[in-house]
C-alpha atoms as a PDB file:
ATOM      1  CA  MET A   1     -76.801-107.233-157.564  1.00  0.00           C
ATOM      2  CA  ASP A   2     -74.327-108.944-155.344  1.00  0.00           C
ATOM      3  CA  ILE A   3     -72.133-107.537-152.582  1.00  0.00           C
ATOM      4  CA  ASN A   4     -69.277-106.445-154.818  1.00  0.00           C
ATOM      5  CA  ASP A   5     -71.691-104.078-156.542  1.00  0.00           C
ATOM      6  CA  LEU A   6     -72.660-102.594-153.272  1.00  0.00           C
ATOM      7  CA  ARG A   7     -68.933-102.073-152.361  1.00  0.00           C
ATOM      8  CA  THR A   8     -68.319-100.445-155.639  1.00  0.00           C
ATOM      9  CA  LEU A   9     -71.276 -98.178-155.278  1.00  0.00           C
ATOM     10  CA  PHE A  10     -70.252 -97.260-151.703  1.00  0.00           C
ATOM     11  CA  THR A  11     -66.761 -96.533-152.778  1.00  0.00           C
ATOM     12  CA  VAL A  12     -67.908 -94.246-155.593  1.00  0.00           C
ATOM     13  CA  LEU A  13     -70.158 -92.439-153.195  1.00  0.00           C
ATOM     14  CA  VAL A  14     -67.398 -91.824-150.678  1.00  0.00           C
ATOM     15  CA  VAL A  15     -65.042 -90.612-153.470  1.00  0.00           C
ATOM     16  CA  LEU A  16     -67.670 -88.215-154.697  1.00  0.00           C
ATOM     17  CA  LEU A  17     -68.256 -87.005-151.091  1.00  0.00           C
ATOM     18  CA  PHE A  18     -64.527 -86.529-150.606  1.00  0.00           C
ATOM     19  CA  VAL A  19     -64.177 -84.490-153.739  1.00  0.00           C
ATOM     20  CA  GLY A  20     -67.142 -82.301-152.860  1.00  0.00           C
ATOM     21  CA  ILE A  21     -65.593 -81.603-149.447  1.00  0.00           C
ATOM     22  CA  VAL A  22     -62.208 -80.757-150.937  1.00  0.00           C
ATOM     23  CA  ILE A  23     -63.985 -78.404-153.564  1.00  0.00           C
ATOM     24  CA  TRP A  24     -65.889 -76.781-150.675  1.00  0.00           C
ATOM     25  CA  ALA A  25     -62.796 -76.204-148.551  1.00  0.00           C
ATOM     26  CA  TYR A  26     -60.737 -74.744-151.322  1.00  0.00           C
ATOM     27  CA  SER A  27     -63.493 -72.589-152.824  1.00  0.00           C
ATOM     28  CA  ALA A  28     -62.724 -68.728-152.984  1.00  0.00           C
ATOM     29  CA  LYS A  29     -65.936 -67.954-151.018  1.00  0.00           C
ATOM     30  CA  ARG A  30     -64.671 -69.803-147.878  1.00  0.00           C
ATOM     31  CA  LYS A  31     -61.218 -68.351-147.912  1.00  0.00           C
ATOM     32  CA  ALA A  32     -61.987 -65.204-145.928  1.00  0.00           C
ATOM     33  CA  SER A  33     -63.729 -67.171-143.050  1.00  0.00           C
ATOM     34  CA  PHE A  34     -61.043 -69.755-143.033  1.00  0.00           C
ATOM     35  CA  ASP A  35     -58.179 -66.983-142.814  1.00  0.00           C
ATOM     36  CA  GLU A  36     -60.227 -65.446-139.867  1.00  0.00           C
ATOM     37  CA  ALA A  37     -60.602 -68.700-138.058  1.00  0.00           C
ATOM     38  CA  ALA A  38     -56.887 -69.472-138.537  1.00  0.00           C
ATOM     39  CA  LYS A  39     -56.025 -66.185-136.863  1.00  0.00           C
ATOM     40  CA  LEU A  40     -58.198 -66.746-133.752  1.00  0.00           C
ATOM     41  CA  ALA A  41     -55.660 -68.575-131.696  1.00  0.00           C
ATOM     42  CA  LEU A  42     -53.099 -65.737-132.301  1.00  0.00           C
ATOM     43  CA  ASP A  43     -55.393 -62.819-131.376  1.00  0.00           C
ATOM     44  CA  ASP A  44     -54.638 -61.169-127.894  1.00  0.00           C
ATOM     45  CA  ASP A  45     -57.614 -60.496-125.811  1.00  0.00           C
ATOM     46  CA  ASP A  46     -57.338 -57.151-124.004  1.00  0.00           C
ATOM     47  CA  GLU A  47     -60.525 -57.562-121.886  1.00  0.00           C
ATOM     48  CA  LYS A  48     -60.492 -59.477-118.568  1.00  0.00           C
ATOM     49  CA  PRO A  49     -62.080 -63.001-118.310  1.00  0.00           C
ATOM     50  CA  HIS A  50     -65.861 -62.974-117.248  1.00  0.00           C
ATOM     51  CA  GLY A  51     -66.917 -64.537-114.001  1.00  0.00           C
ATOM     52  CA  ARG A  52     -64.610 -65.435-111.303  1.00  0.00           C
ATOM     53  CA  GLY A  53     -61.120 -64.014-111.196  1.00  0.00           C
ATOM     54  CA  ALA A  54     -57.827 -66.119-111.031  1.00  0.00           C
ATOM     55  CA  GLY A  55     -57.482 -65.378-107.345  1.00  0.00           C
ATOM     56  CA  GLN A  56     -61.020 -65.972-106.309  1.00  0.00           C
ATOM     57  CA  GLN A  57     -62.251 -69.352-104.885  1.00  0.00           C
ATOM     58  CA  HIS A  58     -65.630 -70.713-105.218  1.00  0.00           C
ATOM     59  CA  ASN A  59     -67.586 -72.465-102.622  1.00  0.00           C
END
Protein backbone atom coordinates (compact mmCIF):
# COMPACT_ATOMS: atom_id res chain seq x y z
CA MET A 1 0.00 0.00 0.00
CA ASP A 2 1.56 3.26 -1.08
CA ILE A 3 0.61 6.91 -0.63
CA ASN A 4 -1.65 6.92 -3.69
CA ASP A 5 -3.79 4.16 -2.19
CA LEU A 6 -4.16 6.19 0.99
CA ARG A 7 -5.11 9.28 -0.99
CA THR A 8 -7.71 7.28 -2.92
CA LEU A 9 -9.16 5.84 0.27
CA PHE A 10 -9.30 9.29 1.87
CA THR A 11 -11.03 10.75 -1.19
CA VAL A 12 -13.64 7.99 -1.20
CA LEU A 13 -14.30 8.50 2.52
CA VAL A 14 -14.71 12.26 2.12
CA VAL A 15 -17.11 11.81 -0.82
CA LEU A 16 -19.17 9.33 1.20
CA LEU A 17 -19.26 11.75 4.13
CA PHE A 18 -20.38 14.56 1.82
CA VAL A 19 -23.15 12.42 0.31
CA GLY A 20 -24.28 11.42 3.81
CA ILE A 21 -24.50 15.06 4.91
CA VAL A 22 -26.47 15.99 1.79
CA ILE A 23 -28.92 13.14 2.36
CA TRP A 24 -29.29 14.17 6.01
CA ALA A 25 -29.84 17.83 5.13
CA TYR A 26 -32.46 17.13 2.47
CA SER A 27 -34.33 14.39 4.34
CA ALA A 28 -38.04 14.95 4.91
CA LYS A 29 -37.65 14.46 8.67
CA ARG A 30 -35.41 17.54 8.96
CA LYS A 31 -37.57 19.87 6.82
CA ALA A 32 -39.79 21.09 9.67
CA SER A 33 -36.88 21.99 11.95
CA PHE A 34 -34.96 23.69 9.13
CA ASP A 35 -38.06 25.72 8.16
CA GLU A 36 -38.48 26.81 11.78
CA ALA A 37 -34.81 27.77 12.04
CA ALA A 38 -35.03 29.76 8.80
CA LYS A 39 -37.86 31.89 10.22
CA LEU A 40 -36.11 32.72 13.51
CA ALA A 41 -34.39 35.82 12.15
CA LEU A 42 -37.70 37.22 10.89
CA ASP A 43 -39.72 36.72 14.08
CA ASP A 44 -40.60 39.87 16.01
CA ASP A 45 -40.01 39.73 19.74
CA ASP A 46 -42.76 41.45 21.73
CA GLU A 47 -41.03 41.11 25.08
CA LYS A 48 -38.45 43.54 26.39
CA PRO A 49 -34.84 42.37 26.60
CA HIS A 50 -33.78 40.90 29.90
CA GLY A 51 -31.18 42.55 32.05
CA ARG A 52 -30.17 46.18 31.71
CA GLY A 53 -32.26 48.48 29.58
CA ALA A 54 -30.88 50.45 26.68
CA GLY A 55 -30.73 53.69 28.71
CA GLN A 56 -29.11 52.19 31.78
CA GLN A 57 -25.41 52.33 32.37
CA HIS A 58 -23.44 49.77 34.28
CA ASN A 59 -20.64 50.50 36.70
